[in-house]
Amino acid sequence: MPGSQSLVFTGGFMKIVYGAEVEDRHGNKVGQVNQVIRDSWTGNIRKFGVWQEGDVRDKLVSPEDIGEIKEDKIVLAITLEENG
């Protein structure tokens, strides 16, 4: 997604776009956002799925596990192994 803004904060609302790159806390690329799970009542993001090449299922990550948001990627405060 070069040149596009994949994460936006407006008024405390987080928007995560499919395909955004995801790195772990060590700076290793771990995958891309493949799904976003929202609370049906509030619309807030509850989890997002990180797709890794070779994995059958997405790894589900909580927004609380985000360490930093950069212009074109999400940097987690954890590794996906720590996430379980």
N, C-alpha and C. Protein backbone atom coordinates (compact mmCIF):
# COMPACT_ATOMS: atom_id res chain seq x y z
N MET A 1 0.80 -1.19 0.00
CA MET A 1 0.00 0.00 0.00
C MET A 1 0.85 1.26 0.00
N PRO A 2 1.88 1.30 -0.79
CA PRO A 2 2.72 2.49 -0.79
C PRO A 2 1.95 3.73 -1.19
N GLY A 3 2.21 4.81 -0.48
CA GLY A 3 1.59 6.07 -0.80
C GLY A 3 0.21 6.28 -0.20
N SER A 4 -0.38 5.21 0.34
CA SER A 4 -1.70 5.39 0.94
C SER A 4 -1.56 5.44 2.45
N GLN A 5 -2.49 6.08 3.09
CA GLN A 5 -2.47 6.13 4.54
C GLN A 5 -3.35 5.01 5.05
N SER A 6 -2.74 4.07 5.78
CA SER A 6 -3.48 2.89 6.18
C SER A 6 -4.10 3.02 7.56
N LEU A 7 -3.65 3.95 8.37
CA LEU A 7 -4.18 4.13 9.71
C LEU A 7 -4.51 5.58 9.94
N VAL A 8 -5.68 5.84 10.48
CA VAL A 8 -6.09 7.21 10.72
C VAL A 8 -6.74 7.29 12.09
N PHE A 9 -6.36 8.29 12.88
CA PHE A 9 -7.03 8.56 14.15
C PHE A 9 -7.78 9.86 14.01
N THR A 10 -9.08 9.82 14.25
CA THR A 10 -9.87 11.03 14.24
C THR A 10 -10.84 10.98 15.39
N GLY A 11 -10.70 11.89 16.31
CA GLY A 11 -11.61 11.94 17.44
C GLY A 11 -11.61 10.67 18.26
N GLY A 12 -10.45 10.00 18.38
CA GLY A 12 -10.35 8.78 19.14
C GLY A 12 -10.81 7.54 18.40
N PHE A 13 -11.21 7.68 17.15
CA PHE A 13 -11.67 6.55 16.35
C PHE A 13 -10.53 6.04 15.49
N MET A 14 -10.24 4.76 15.55
CA MET A 14 -9.16 4.17 14.79
C MET A 14 -9.70 3.49 13.54
N LYS A 15 -9.08 3.77 12.43
CA LYS A 15 -9.45 3.12 11.18
C LYS A 15 -8.24 2.31 10.71
N ILE A 16 -8.41 1.01 10.60
CA ILE A 16 -7.35 0.14 10.10
C ILE A 16 -7.79 -0.35 8.74
N VAL A 17 -6.93 -0.20 7.76
CA VAL A 17 -7.27 -0.56 6.38
C VAL A 17 -6.67 -1.93 6.05
N TYR A 18 -7.43 -2.73 5.36
CA TYR A 18 -6.95 -4.03 4.91
C TYR A 18 -5.67 -3.87 4.10
N GLY A 19 -4.72 -4.77 4.33
CA GLY A 19 -3.47 -4.75 3.59
C GLY A 19 -2.37 -3.96 4.26
N ALA A 20 -2.67 -3.25 5.36
CA ALA A 20 -1.63 -2.49 6.06
C ALA A 20 -0.58 -3.45 6.59
N GLU A 21 0.68 -3.09 6.46
CA GLU A 21 1.76 -3.93 6.97
C GLU A 21 1.77 -3.92 8.49
N VAL A 22 2.18 -5.05 9.07
CA VAL A 22 2.27 -5.19 10.52
C VAL A 22 3.67 -5.68 10.88
N GLU A 23 4.29 -4.99 11.85
CA GLU A 23 5.60 -5.39 12.35
C GLU A 23 5.47 -5.74 13.82
N ASP A 24 6.36 -6.62 14.31
CA ASP A 24 6.37 -6.91 15.74
C ASP A 24 7.23 -5.88 16.47
N ARG A 25 7.37 -6.04 17.77
CA ARG A 25 8.10 -5.04 18.57
C ARG A 25 9.58 -4.99 18.26
N HIS A 26 10.09 -6.00 17.55
CA HIS A 26 11.50 -6.02 17.18
C HIS A 26 11.73 -5.46 15.77
N GLY A 27 10.67 -5.02 15.12
CA GLY A 27 10.78 -4.45 13.78
C GLY A 27 10.71 -5.49 12.67
N ASN A 28 10.38 -6.73 13.00
CA ASN A 28 10.25 -7.78 11.98
C ASN A 28 8.87 -7.71 11.35
N LYS A 29 8.84 -7.76 10.01
CA LYS A 29 7.55 -7.78 9.32
C LYS A 29 6.88 -9.11 9.60
N VAL A 30 5.65 -9.07 10.13
CA VAL A 30 4.95 -10.30 10.49
C VAL A 30 3.75 -10.58 9.59
N GLY A 31 3.31 -9.63 8.81
CA GLY A 31 2.19 -9.88 7.92
C GLY A 31 1.44 -8.63 7.55
N GLN A 32 0.19 -8.84 7.15
CA GLN A 32 -0.68 -7.75 6.72
C GLN A 32 -2.04 -7.89 7.38
N VAL A 33 -2.72 -6.77 7.54
CA VAL A 33 -4.08 -6.80 8.07
C VAL A 33 -4.98 -7.45 7.03
N ASN A 34 -5.68 -8.50 7.46
CA ASN A 34 -6.54 -9.25 6.55
C ASN A 34 -8.02 -9.13 6.92
N GLN A 35 -8.30 -8.78 8.18
CA GLN A 35 -9.68 -8.62 8.61
C GLN A 35 -9.74 -7.69 9.81
N VAL A 36 -10.87 -7.04 9.96
CA VAL A 36 -11.10 -6.16 11.10
C VAL A 36 -12.41 -6.59 11.74
N ILE A 37 -12.37 -6.85 13.04
CA ILE A 37 -13.55 -7.29 13.77
C ILE A 37 -14.02 -6.14 14.65
N ARG A 38 -15.24 -5.71 14.43
CA ARG A 38 -15.80 -4.55 15.14
C ARG A 38 -16.88 -4.97 16.13
N ASP A 39 -17.02 -4.17 17.16
CA ASP A 39 -18.13 -4.32 18.08
C ASP A 39 -19.37 -3.85 17.34
N SER A 40 -20.37 -4.71 17.25
CA SER A 40 -21.56 -4.36 16.45
C SER A 40 -22.37 -3.23 17.07
N TRP A 41 -22.23 -3.00 18.34
CA TRP A 41 -22.97 -1.94 19.00
C TRP A 41 -22.27 -0.59 18.86
N THR A 42 -20.96 -0.53 19.14
CA THR A 42 -20.23 0.74 19.13
C THR A 42 -19.50 1.02 17.83
N GLY A 43 -19.18 -0.03 17.09
CA GLY A 43 -18.39 0.14 15.87
C GLY A 43 -16.90 0.18 16.14
N ASN A 44 -16.49 0.13 17.42
CA ASN A 44 -15.07 0.14 17.75
C ASN A 44 -14.40 -1.16 17.32
N ILE A 45 -13.12 -1.07 16.98
CA ILE A 45 -12.37 -2.25 16.59
C ILE A 45 -12.05 -3.06 17.83
N ARG A 46 -12.42 -4.35 17.82
CA ARG A 46 -12.14 -5.24 18.95
C ARG A 46 -10.90 -6.07 18.69
N LYS A 47 -10.71 -6.50 17.46
CA LYS A 47 -9.56 -7.31 17.05
C LYS A 47 -9.30 -7.03 15.58
N PHE A 48 -8.08 -7.34 15.15
CA PHE A 48 -7.82 -7.36 13.71
C PHE A 48 -6.97 -8.58 13.41
N GLY A 49 -7.18 -9.14 12.24
CA GLY A 49 -6.48 -10.36 11.84
C GLY A 49 -5.24 -10.02 11.04
N VAL A 50 -4.13 -10.67 11.41
CA VAL A 50 -2.87 -10.50 10.69
C VAL A 50 -2.62 -11.78 9.90
N TRP A 51 -2.54 -11.64 8.59
CA TRP A 51 -2.28 -12.77 7.71
C TRP A 51 -0.78 -12.92 7.53
N GLN A 52 -0.31 -14.15 7.73
CA GLN A 52 1.09 -14.47 7.50
C GLN A 52 1.16 -15.51 6.39
N GLU A 53 2.07 -15.32 5.47
CA GLU A 53 2.23 -16.28 4.38
C GLU A 53 2.51 -17.66 4.95
N GLY A 54 1.79 -18.65 4.47
CA GLY A 54 1.98 -20.01 4.92
C GLY A 54 1.05 -20.43 6.04
N ASP A 55 0.40 -19.48 6.70
CA ASP A 55 -0.55 -19.81 7.76
C ASP A 55 -1.95 -19.98 7.18
N VAL A 56 -2.68 -20.92 7.72
CA VAL A 56 -4.04 -21.16 7.27
C VAL A 56 -4.99 -20.13 7.86
N ARG A 57 -4.75 -19.75 9.12
CA ARG A 57 -5.63 -18.80 9.81
C ARG A 57 -4.90 -17.51 10.14
N ASP A 58 -5.68 -16.43 10.22
CA ASP A 58 -5.12 -15.16 10.67
C ASP A 58 -4.81 -15.24 12.15
N LYS A 59 -3.80 -14.49 12.59
CA LYS A 59 -3.54 -14.31 14.02
C LYS A 59 -4.38 -13.10 14.44
N LEU A 60 -5.23 -13.27 15.45
CA LEU A 60 -6.06 -12.17 15.92
C LEU A 60 -5.31 -11.35 16.96
N VAL A 61 -5.31 -10.04 16.76
CA VAL A 61 -4.57 -9.12 17.62
C VAL A 61 -5.53 -8.05 18.13
N SER A 62 -5.36 -7.67 19.39
CA SER A 62 -6.17 -6.62 19.99
C SER A 62 -5.55 -5.26 19.71
N PRO A 63 -6.35 -4.22 19.53
CA PRO A 63 -5.80 -2.87 19.35
C PRO A 63 -4.91 -2.43 20.52
N GLU A 64 -5.15 -2.99 21.71
CA GLU A 64 -4.31 -2.66 22.87
C GLU A 64 -2.88 -3.15 22.71
N ASP A 65 -2.66 -4.08 21.76
CA ASP A 65 -1.31 -4.60 21.51
C ASP A 65 -0.52 -3.76 20.51
N ILE A 66 -1.12 -2.66 20.04
CA ILE A 66 -0.41 -1.77 19.13
C ILE A 66 0.53 -0.88 19.94
N GLY A 67 1.80 -0.91 19.57
CA GLY A 67 2.78 -0.08 20.26
C GLY A 67 2.93 1.28 19.63
N GLU A 68 2.86 1.31 18.30
CA GLU A 68 3.07 2.56 17.57
C GLU A 68 2.36 2.47 16.24
N ILE A 69 1.87 3.60 15.80
CA ILE A 69 1.26 3.67 14.48
C ILE A 69 2.07 4.62 13.63
N LYS A 70 2.58 4.08 12.54
CA LYS A 70 3.33 4.90 11.60
C LYS A 70 2.46 5.15 10.39
N GLU A 71 2.92 5.97 9.50
CA GLU A 71 2.09 6.39 8.35
C GLU A 71 1.58 5.20 7.54
N ASP A 72 2.42 4.19 7.34
CA ASP A 72 2.03 3.11 6.45
C ASP A 72 2.05 1.73 7.09
N LYS A 73 2.16 1.66 8.42
CA LYS A 73 2.18 0.35 9.06
C LYS A 73 1.83 0.42 10.53
N ILE A 74 1.54 -0.76 11.08
CA ILE A 74 1.25 -0.92 12.49
C ILE A 74 2.46 -1.60 13.11
N VAL A 75 2.97 -1.05 14.20
CA VAL A 75 4.05 -1.69 14.95
C VAL A 75 3.46 -2.17 16.27
N LEU A 76 3.52 -3.47 16.48
CA LEU A 76 2.96 -4.06 17.69
C LEU A 76 3.89 -3.86 18.88
N ALA A 77 3.34 -3.89 20.07
CA ALA A 77 4.12 -3.82 21.31
C ALA A 77 4.54 -5.22 21.75
N ILE A 78 4.16 -6.22 20.99
CA ILE A 78 4.42 -7.62 21.30
C ILE A 78 4.95 -8.32 20.05
N THR A 79 5.30 -9.61 20.20
CA THR A 79 5.51 -10.47 19.04
C THR A 79 4.25 -11.31 18.90
N LEU A 80 4.02 -11.86 17.72
CA LEU A 80 2.81 -12.67 17.54
C LEU A 80 2.87 -13.94 18.39
N GLU A 81 4.08 -14.42 18.69
CA GLU A 81 4.22 -15.59 19.57
C GLU A 81 3.74 -15.26 20.98
N GLU A 82 3.99 -14.04 21.44
CA GLU A 82 3.53 -13.62 22.76
C GLU A 82 2.02 -13.49 22.81
N ASN A 83 1.42 -13.24 21.64
CA ASN A 83 -0.03 -13.07 21.54
C ASN A 83 -0.75 -14.40 21.69
N GLY A 84 -0.05 -15.48 21.43
CA GLY A 84 -0.67 -16.81 21.57
C GLY A 84 -1.17 -17.27 20.31
